[in-house]
Amino acid sequence: MNTPINYIILFLFALLYTSCQNTTTSTGALTTISIRDTVINIGSIKYGEVQKVQFKIENNGDAPLLIKHVEPGCGCTKVDWSKKPIKKGAAAIISVEFDGRAFGFFRKDIEVFMNTVEGSKRLYFKGEAVDN
């Protein structure tokens, strides 16, 4: 039976199927990256001292690298990065500021959301806040 409701249902299923198949970004392509240091040890810092860390992400793929969003793991961490596409062979720097207002060892993370096959990468920095 070819009723209008059957055509509507078929259309909705087709629409749903095609919307779930799109795994590329707004540029239409995914890329590959390399990161030299996924864990950075900043060593001992003075309690209450703001420490800066930088992660370098290189674009090894053919498509421009888009860093869509960077999510810090806690409120003591601020992040900054370039919102511009990173060309093939170029690198992006993600700058992190950590406010060490807790004594002892720490291990903090940021999650970087990009147009890569994995979609995101978690990066870490660690150290110890001491009283001196």
C-alpha atoms as a PDB file:
ATOM      1  CA  MET A   1       0.000   0.000   0.000  1.00  0.00           C
ATOM      2  CA  ASN A   2       1.446   3.360  -1.049  1.00  0.00           C
ATOM      3  CA  THR A   3      -0.201   5.816   1.288  1.00  0.00           C
ATOM      4  CA  PRO A   4       1.112   9.324   1.975  1.00  0.00           C
ATOM      5  CA  ILE A   5       1.962   8.327   5.565  1.00  0.00           C
ATOM      6  CA  ASN A   6       4.274   5.563   4.257  1.00  0.00           C
ATOM      7  CA  TYR A   7       6.122   8.119   2.117  1.00  0.00           C
ATOM      8  CA  ILE A   8       6.483  10.448   5.085  1.00  0.00           C
ATOM      9  CA  ILE A   9       7.865   7.661   7.274  1.00  0.00           C
ATOM     10  CA  LEU A  10      10.269   6.600   4.516  1.00  0.00           C
ATOM     11  CA  PHE A  11      11.421  10.220   4.100  1.00  0.00           C
ATOM     12  CA  LEU A  12      12.005  10.621   7.840  1.00  0.00           C
ATOM     13  CA  PHE A  13      14.060   7.413   8.019  1.00  0.00           C
ATOM     14  CA  ALA A  14      16.143   8.530   5.025  1.00  0.00           C
ATOM     15  CA  LEU A  15      16.716  11.923   6.630  1.00  0.00           C
ATOM     16  CA  LEU A  16      17.729  10.349   9.929  1.00  0.00           C
ATOM     17  CA  TYR A  17      20.079   7.898   8.192  1.00  0.00           C
ATOM     18  CA  THR A  18      21.888  10.578   6.181  1.00  0.00           C
ATOM     19  CA  SER A  19      22.261  12.881   9.191  1.00  0.00           C
ATOM     20  CA  CYS A  20      23.941  10.076  11.171  1.00  0.00           C
ATOM     21  CA  GLN A  21      26.362   9.282   8.331  1.00  0.00           C
ATOM     22  CA  ASN A  22      28.124  12.665   8.290  1.00  0.00           C
ATOM     23  CA  THR A  23      31.308  12.275  10.347  1.00  0.00           C
ATOM     24  CA  THR A  24      33.296  15.110   8.789  1.00  0.00           C
ATOM     25  CA  THR A  25      33.628  18.661   9.997  1.00  0.00           C
ATOM     26  CA  SER A  26      32.394  21.877   8.483  1.00  0.00           C
ATOM     27  CA  THR A  27      35.535  21.891   6.326  1.00  0.00           C
ATOM     28  CA  GLY A  28      34.514  18.473   5.017  1.00  0.00           C
ATOM     29  CA  ALA A  29      37.730  16.683   5.996  1.00  0.00           C
ATOM     30  CA  LEU A  30      39.502  15.091   8.909  1.00  0.00           C
ATOM     31  CA  THR A  31      43.220  15.438   9.591  1.00  0.00           C
ATOM     32  CA  THR A  32      45.981  13.795  11.611  1.00  0.00           C
ATOM     33  CA  ILE A  33      48.115  15.335  14.329  1.00  0.00           C
ATOM     34  CA  SER A  34      51.180  14.720  16.439  1.00  0.00           C
ATOM     35  CA  ILE A  35      51.827  15.989  19.942  1.00  0.00           C
ATOM     36  CA  ARG A  36      55.329  15.741  21.371  1.00  0.00           C
ATOM     37  CA  ASP A  37      54.363  15.967  25.025  1.00  0.00           C
ATOM     38  CA  THR A  38      50.948  14.717  26.100  1.00  0.00           C
ATOM     39  CA  VAL A  39      52.072  14.916  29.764  1.00  0.00           C
ATOM     40  CA  ILE A  40      54.142  17.870  30.979  1.00  0.00           C
ATOM     41  CA  ASN A  41      55.786  17.803  34.402  1.00  0.00           C
ATOM     42  CA  ILE A  42      56.035  21.358  35.720  1.00  0.00           C
ATOM     43  CA  GLY A  43      57.820  20.230  38.882  1.00  0.00           C
ATOM     44  CA  SER A  44      57.545  22.087  42.176  1.00  0.00           C
ATOM     45  CA  ILE A  45      55.702  25.373  42.253  1.00  0.00           C
ATOM     46  CA  LYS A  46      55.089  27.749  45.115  1.00  0.00           C
ATOM     47  CA  TYR A  47      51.617  27.494  46.657  1.00  0.00           C
ATOM     48  CA  GLY A  48      49.328  30.113  45.059  1.00  0.00           C
ATOM     49  CA  GLU A  49      51.668  30.686  42.120  1.00  0.00           C
ATOM     50  CA  VAL A  50      50.166  30.833  38.626  1.00  0.00           C
ATOM     51  CA  GLN A  51      52.022  28.460  36.333  1.00  0.00           C
ATOM     52  CA  LYS A  52      51.928  28.525  32.528  1.00  0.00           C
ATOM     53  CA  VAL A  53      52.149  25.428  30.332  1.00  0.00           C
ATOM     54  CA  GLN A  54      52.083  25.154  26.538  1.00  0.00           C
ATOM     55  CA  PHE A  55      51.130  22.157  24.417  1.00  0.00           C
ATOM     56  CA  LYS A  56      52.214  22.084  20.770  1.00  0.00           C
ATOM     57  CA  ILE A  57      49.964  20.256  18.293  1.00  0.00           C
ATOM     58  CA  GLU A  58      51.288  19.716  14.773  1.00  0.00           C
ATOM     59  CA  ASN A  59      49.030  19.161  11.778  1.00  0.00           C
ATOM     60  CA  ASN A  60      50.369  16.168   9.817  1.00  0.00           C
ATOM     61  CA  GLY A  61      47.322  15.680   7.591  1.00  0.00           C
ATOM     62  CA  ASP A  62      46.261  17.247   4.319  1.00  0.00           C
ATOM     63  CA  ALA A  63      43.222  19.070   5.711  1.00  0.00           C
ATOM     64  CA  PRO A  64      43.448  22.163   7.929  1.00  0.00           C
ATOM     65  CA  LEU A  65      43.385  21.392  11.655  1.00  0.00           C
ATOM     66  CA  LEU A  66      40.479  22.975  13.505  1.00  0.00           C
ATOM     67  CA  ILE A  67      40.651  23.150  17.278  1.00  0.00           C
ATOM     68  CA  LYS A  68      36.958  23.457  17.995  1.00  0.00           C
ATOM     69  CA  HIS A  69      37.031  23.633  21.769  1.00  0.00           C
ATOM     70  CA  VAL A  70      39.357  23.045  24.705  1.00  0.00           C
ATOM     71  CA  GLU A  71      37.780  21.939  27.979  1.00  0.00           C
ATOM     72  CA  PRO A  72      39.816  22.333  31.188  1.00  0.00           C
ATOM     73  CA  GLY A  73      39.383  19.594  33.770  1.00  0.00           C
ATOM     74  CA  CYS A  74      38.827  22.019  36.656  1.00  0.00           C
ATOM     75  CA  GLY A  75      38.154  25.648  37.526  1.00  0.00           C
ATOM     76  CA  CYS A  76      41.783  26.246  38.504  1.00  0.00           C
ATOM     77  CA  THR A  77      42.824  25.946  34.852  1.00  0.00           C
ATOM     78  CA  LYS A  78      42.359  28.507  32.070  1.00  0.00           C
ATOM     79  CA  VAL A  79      43.061  27.771  28.402  1.00  0.00           C
ATOM     80  CA  ASP A  80      43.704  29.829  25.281  1.00  0.00           C
ATOM     81  CA  TRP A  81      44.243  28.670  21.686  1.00  0.00           C
ATOM     82  CA  SER A  82      44.074  29.899  18.113  1.00  0.00           C
ATOM     83  CA  LYS A  83      40.608  29.708  16.591  1.00  0.00           C
ATOM     84  CA  LYS A  84      42.074  29.887  13.057  1.00  0.00           C
ATOM     85  CA  PRO A  85      42.586  26.762  10.909  1.00  0.00           C
ATOM     86  CA  ILE A  86      46.116  25.325  11.176  1.00  0.00           C
ATOM     87  CA  LYS A  87      47.605  24.493   7.770  1.00  0.00           C
ATOM     88  CA  LYS A  88      49.349  21.242   6.872  1.00  0.00           C
ATOM     89  CA  GLY A  89      52.832  21.186   8.419  1.00  0.00           C
ATOM     90  CA  ALA A  90      52.071  24.040  10.823  1.00  0.00           C
ATOM     91  CA  ALA A  91      51.561  23.864  14.583  1.00  0.00           C
ATOM     92  CA  ALA A  92      49.097  25.254  17.087  1.00  0.00           C
ATOM     93  CA  ILE A  93      49.930  26.212  20.651  1.00  0.00           C
ATOM     94  CA  ILE A  94      47.452  25.660  23.462  1.00  0.00           C
ATOM     95  CA  SER A  95      48.351  27.867  26.413  1.00  0.00           C
ATOM     96  CA  VAL A  96      47.290  26.750  29.877  1.00  0.00           C
ATOM     97  CA  GLU A  97      47.372  28.735  33.125  1.00  0.00           C
ATOM     98  CA  PHE A  98      47.157  26.792  36.362  1.00  0.00           C
ATOM     99  CA  ASP A  99      46.470  28.440  39.711  1.00  0.00           C
ATOM    100  CA  GLY A 100      48.212  26.247  42.293  1.00  0.00           C
ATOM    101  CA  ARG A 101      46.093  27.052  45.332  1.00  0.00           C
ATOM    102  CA  ALA A 102      46.214  23.576  46.843  1.00  0.00           C
ATOM    103  CA  PHE A 103      49.189  21.949  48.559  1.00  0.00           C
ATOM    104  CA  GLY A 104      50.634  18.704  47.351  1.00  0.00           C
ATOM    105  CA  PHE A 105      50.863  16.728  44.165  1.00  0.00           C
ATOM    106  CA  PHE A 106      48.484  17.465  41.326  1.00  0.00           C
ATOM    107  CA  ARG A 107      47.673  16.053  37.904  1.00  0.00           C
ATOM    108  CA  LYS A 108      45.368  18.188  35.794  1.00  0.00           C
ATOM    109  CA  ASP A 109      44.002  17.705  32.309  1.00  0.00           C
ATOM    110  CA  ILE A 110      42.482  19.476  29.359  1.00  0.00           C
ATOM    111  CA  GLU A 111      40.502  17.871  26.563  1.00  0.00           C
ATOM    112  CA  VAL A 112      41.087  19.225  23.060  1.00  0.00           C
ATOM    113  CA  PHE A 113      38.248  18.749  20.545  1.00  0.00           C
ATOM    114  CA  MET A 114      39.477  18.729  16.923  1.00  0.00           C
ATOM    115  CA  ASN A 115      38.613  17.553  13.409  1.00  0.00           C
ATOM    116  CA  THR A 116      40.595  14.323  13.758  1.00  0.00           C
ATOM    117  CA  VAL A 117      39.456  10.711  13.484  1.00  0.00           C
ATOM    118  CA  GLU A 118      39.551  10.429  17.298  1.00  0.00           C
ATOM    119  CA  GLY A 119      37.636  13.685  17.711  1.00  0.00           C
ATOM    120  CA  SER A 120      39.442  14.695  20.898  1.00  0.00           C
ATOM    121  CA  LYS A 121      42.684  14.252  22.803  1.00  0.00           C
ATOM    122  CA  ARG A 122      43.277  14.562  26.545  1.00  0.00           C
ATOM    123  CA  LEU A 123      46.504  16.319  27.604  1.00  0.00           C
ATOM    124  CA  TYR A 124      47.955  16.419  31.123  1.00  0.00           C
ATOM    125  CA  PHE A 125      50.264  18.488  33.290  1.00  0.00           C
ATOM    126  CA  LYS A 126      51.454  17.552  36.741  1.00  0.00           C
ATOM    127  CA  GLY A 127      53.598  18.820  39.572  1.00  0.00           C
ATOM    128  CA  GLU A 128      53.604  19.671  43.251  1.00  0.00           C
ATOM    129  CA  ALA A 129      52.507  22.831  45.029  1.00  0.00           C
ATOM    130  CA  VAL A 130      54.828  23.453  47.986  1.00  0.00           C
ATOM    131  CA  ASP A 131      55.197  26.046  50.723  1.00  0.00           C
ATOM    132  CA  ASN A 132      58.437  27.995  50.249  1.00  0.00           C
END
